[in-house]
Protein backbone atom coordinates (compact mmCIF):
# COMPACT_ATOMS: atom_id res chain seq x y z
CA MET A 1 2.28 10.35 -24.88
CA SER A 2 3.02 13.93 -25.76
CA GLN A 3 3.66 16.79 -23.38
CA HIS A 4 0.67 18.54 -24.98
CA ASN A 5 -1.66 15.65 -24.07
CA ILE A 6 -0.66 15.58 -20.40
CA GLU A 7 -0.90 19.37 -20.17
CA THR A 8 -4.38 19.26 -21.68
CA LEU A 9 -5.46 16.48 -19.32
CA TYR A 10 -4.10 18.45 -16.37
CA ARG A 11 -5.63 21.75 -17.43
CA GLU A 12 -9.06 20.25 -18.12
CA HIS A 13 -9.37 17.97 -15.08
CA HIS A 14 -7.00 18.98 -12.28
CA SER A 15 -9.44 21.38 -10.56
CA TRP A 16 -12.21 18.80 -10.67
CA LEU A 17 -9.93 16.02 -9.37
CA HIS A 18 -8.59 18.22 -6.57
CA ARG A 19 -12.14 19.18 -5.46
CA TRP A 20 -13.24 15.53 -5.62
CA LEU A 21 -10.30 14.44 -3.47
CA ARG A 22 -10.74 17.29 -1.00
CA GLY A 23 -14.35 16.21 -0.51
CA ARG A 24 -13.31 12.64 0.20
CA LEU A 25 -10.25 13.34 2.30
CA GLY A 26 -11.39 16.48 4.10
CA CYS A 27 -7.87 17.86 3.84
CA GLU A 28 -6.61 20.41 1.35
CA HIS A 29 -2.98 19.29 1.59
CA SER A 30 -3.67 15.56 1.22
CA ALA A 31 -5.97 16.29 -1.73
CA ALA A 32 -3.25 18.35 -3.41
CA ASP A 33 -0.66 15.63 -2.81
CA ILE A 34 -2.88 12.85 -4.17
CA ALA A 35 -3.90 14.94 -7.20
CA HIS A 36 -0.23 15.61 -7.94
CA ASP A 37 0.68 11.95 -7.49
CA THR A 38 -2.19 10.95 -9.79
CA TYR A 39 -0.71 12.94 -12.65
CA ILE A 40 2.75 11.56 -11.90
CA LYS A 41 1.30 8.04 -12.26
CA VAL A 42 -0.35 9.04 -15.54
CA MET A 43 2.97 10.32 -16.88
CA LEU A 44 4.82 7.21 -15.70
CA SER A 45 2.21 4.91 -17.24
CA ASN A 46 2.71 6.65 -20.57
CA THR A 47 -1.03 6.31 -21.20
CA ILE A 48 -3.54 9.06 -21.82
CA PRO A 49 -7.20 8.09 -21.43
CA THR A 50 -9.55 8.27 -24.35
CA ASP A 51 -11.56 11.46 -24.74
CA ASP A 52 -14.69 9.95 -23.21
CA GLN A 53 -13.10 8.54 -20.03
CA PRO A 54 -10.49 10.86 -18.51
CA ARG A 55 -12.33 11.39 -15.23
CA ARG A 56 -12.96 7.69 -14.81
CA TYR A 57 -9.27 6.99 -15.48
CA LEU A 58 -8.07 9.70 -13.10
CA THR A 59 -10.55 8.59 -10.43
CA ARG A 60 -9.34 5.00 -10.58
CA ILE A 61 -5.73 6.08 -10.08
CA ALA A 62 -6.65 8.56 -7.34
CA LYS A 63 -8.74 5.96 -5.45
CA SER A 64 -5.76 3.61 -5.45
CA LEU A 65 -3.56 6.37 -4.04
CA VAL A 66 -6.17 7.20 -1.38
CA ILE A 67 -6.23 3.54 -0.31
CA ASP A 68 -2.43 3.64 -0.07
CA LEU A 69 -2.65 6.81 2.04
CA PHE A 70 -5.19 5.26 4.42
CA ARG A 71 -3.15 2.07 4.69
CA ARG A 72 -0.06 4.15 5.48
CA ARG A 73 -1.91 6.12 8.14
CA GLN A 74 -3.26 2.91 9.67
CA ILE A 75 0.19 1.31 9.82
CA GLU A 76 1.76 4.49 11.23
CA ALA A 77 -0.96 4.80 13.88
CA ALA A 78 -0.61 1.16 14.94
CA TYR A 79 3.15 1.49 15.24
CA LEU A 80 2.98 4.79 17.12
CA GLU A 81 0.41 3.28 19.49
CA THR A 82 2.84 0.45 20.20
CA VAL A 83 5.70 2.90 20.77
CA ARG A 84 3.50 4.94 23.10
CA HIS A 85 3.33 1.99 25.51
CA LEU A 86 7.09 1.53 25.70
CA PRO A 87 9.05 2.74 28.71
CA GLU A 88 10.55 6.15 27.97
CA GLN A 89 14.12 4.86 27.80
CA GLU A 90 13.10 2.30 25.13
CA ILE A 91 11.32 4.72 22.78
CA PRO A 92 13.23 4.75 19.49
CA SER A 93 14.46 8.01 17.98
CA GLU A 94 12.28 9.75 15.41
CA GLU A 95 14.67 8.62 12.69
CA THR A 96 14.38 4.98 13.79
CA GLN A 97 10.60 5.31 14.00
CA TYR A 98 10.55 6.63 10.43
CA ILE A 99 12.71 3.74 9.21
CA VAL A 100 10.50 1.20 10.98
CA VAL A 101 7.32 2.68 9.50
CA GLU A 102 8.83 2.71 6.01
CA THR A 103 9.91 -0.92 6.45
CA LEU A 104 6.46 -1.90 7.68
CA LEU A 105 4.91 -0.18 4.66
CA GLU A 106 7.25 -2.04 2.33
CA ILE A 107 6.39 -5.36 3.98
CA ASP A 108 2.69 -4.55 3.76
CA GLN A 109 3.02 -3.68 0.09
CA MET A 110 4.81 -6.95 -0.61
CA LEU A 111 2.21 -8.93 1.35
CA GLN A 112 -0.58 -7.29 -0.65
CA THR A 113 0.85 -8.87 -3.80
CA LEU A 114 0.27 -12.37 -2.40
CA PRO A 115 -2.96 -14.31 -2.90
CA ASP A 116 -5.28 -13.91 0.11
CA HIS A 117 -4.94 -17.50 1.31
CA VAL A 118 -1.13 -17.37 1.14
CA ARG A 119 -1.00 -14.05 3.03
CA GLN A 120 -3.50 -15.31 5.63
CA ALA A 121 -1.56 -18.53 6.30
CA PHE A 122 1.75 -16.64 6.50
CA LEU A 123 0.41 -14.06 8.95
CA MET A 124 -1.21 -16.71 11.15
CA ARG A 125 2.09 -18.56 11.27
CA LYS A 126 4.43 -15.60 11.77
CA LEU A 127 2.32 -13.13 13.74
CA ASP A 128 -0.07 -15.38 15.63
CA GLY A 129 2.43 -18.21 16.12
CA MET A 130 -0.07 -20.82 15.06
CA SER A 131 1.05 -24.31 14.07
CA TYR A 132 0.54 -25.59 10.54
CA ARG A 133 -2.14 -27.95 11.88
CA GLU A 134 -4.00 -25.09 13.60
CA ILE A 135 -3.86 -22.97 10.45
CA ALA A 136 -5.09 -25.90 8.35
CA ALA A 137 -8.08 -26.30 10.69
CA VAL A 138 -8.94 -22.59 10.56
CA MET A 139 -8.57 -22.40 6.76
CA ASN A 140 -10.19 -25.78 6.18
CA VAL A 141 -7.29 -27.02 4.05
CA SER A 142 -4.64 -29.72 4.41
CA VAL A 143 -1.47 -29.23 6.42
CA SER A 144 0.55 -29.70 3.23
CA SER A 145 -1.40 -26.83 1.62
CA VAL A 146 -0.54 -24.58 4.56
CA GLU A 147 3.12 -25.59 4.26
CA LYS A 148 3.05 -24.64 0.56
CA TYR A 149 1.32 -21.32 1.29
CA VAL A 150 3.88 -20.35 3.94
CA ALA A 151 6.76 -21.46 1.70
CA LYS A 152 5.36 -19.34 -1.13
CA ALA A 153 5.13 -16.30 1.16
CA LEU A 154 8.66 -16.84 2.48
CA THR A 155 9.94 -17.13 -1.08
CA ALA A 156 8.20 -13.85 -1.97
CA CYS A 157 9.80 -12.19 1.08
CA PHE A 158 13.22 -13.48 0.11
CA LEU A 159 12.88 -12.41 -3.53
CA HIS A 160 11.62 -8.99 -2.46
CA SER A 161 14.58 -8.54 -0.13
CA MET A 162 16.97 -9.37 -2.99
CA LYS A 163 15.68 -6.56 -5.21
CA VAL A 164 18.08 -3.73 -5.73
CA PRO A 165 16.61 -0.43 -4.51
CA SER A 166 15.72 1.90 -7.36
């Protein structure tokens, strides 16, 4: 991918993409951030769309980033709501809150890579405290399947924790 190609793509489509995002997000700053991040992803992918599909390509990337933004906002809101109910002396510092939210986002991102049934079994076990038998009944699968699903999720968690930060 040449510098010329990315500059052309940016020049020809940035204004449109920014307007499209602003209309969906209702926020000038978020739209600008997502538009910027969209072009960063294009550069990192080292792929320029064909002449007949640049808007479709940019839209697909931008939609993914918008979903990430909404997921982040949802996780932050849920955590801050939990913190709001803590006694004042137990409220973590802003720095700790930031670290917790970032950790929750990382866990969420890792969980999103798992197949739905594996993620569902893992969350029922770890968050809801359900037994393997209870999960099997809810999911209409065998107990041994649930054990395999949870083991697969735990393995993914372990492998993710072993990655060296970039």
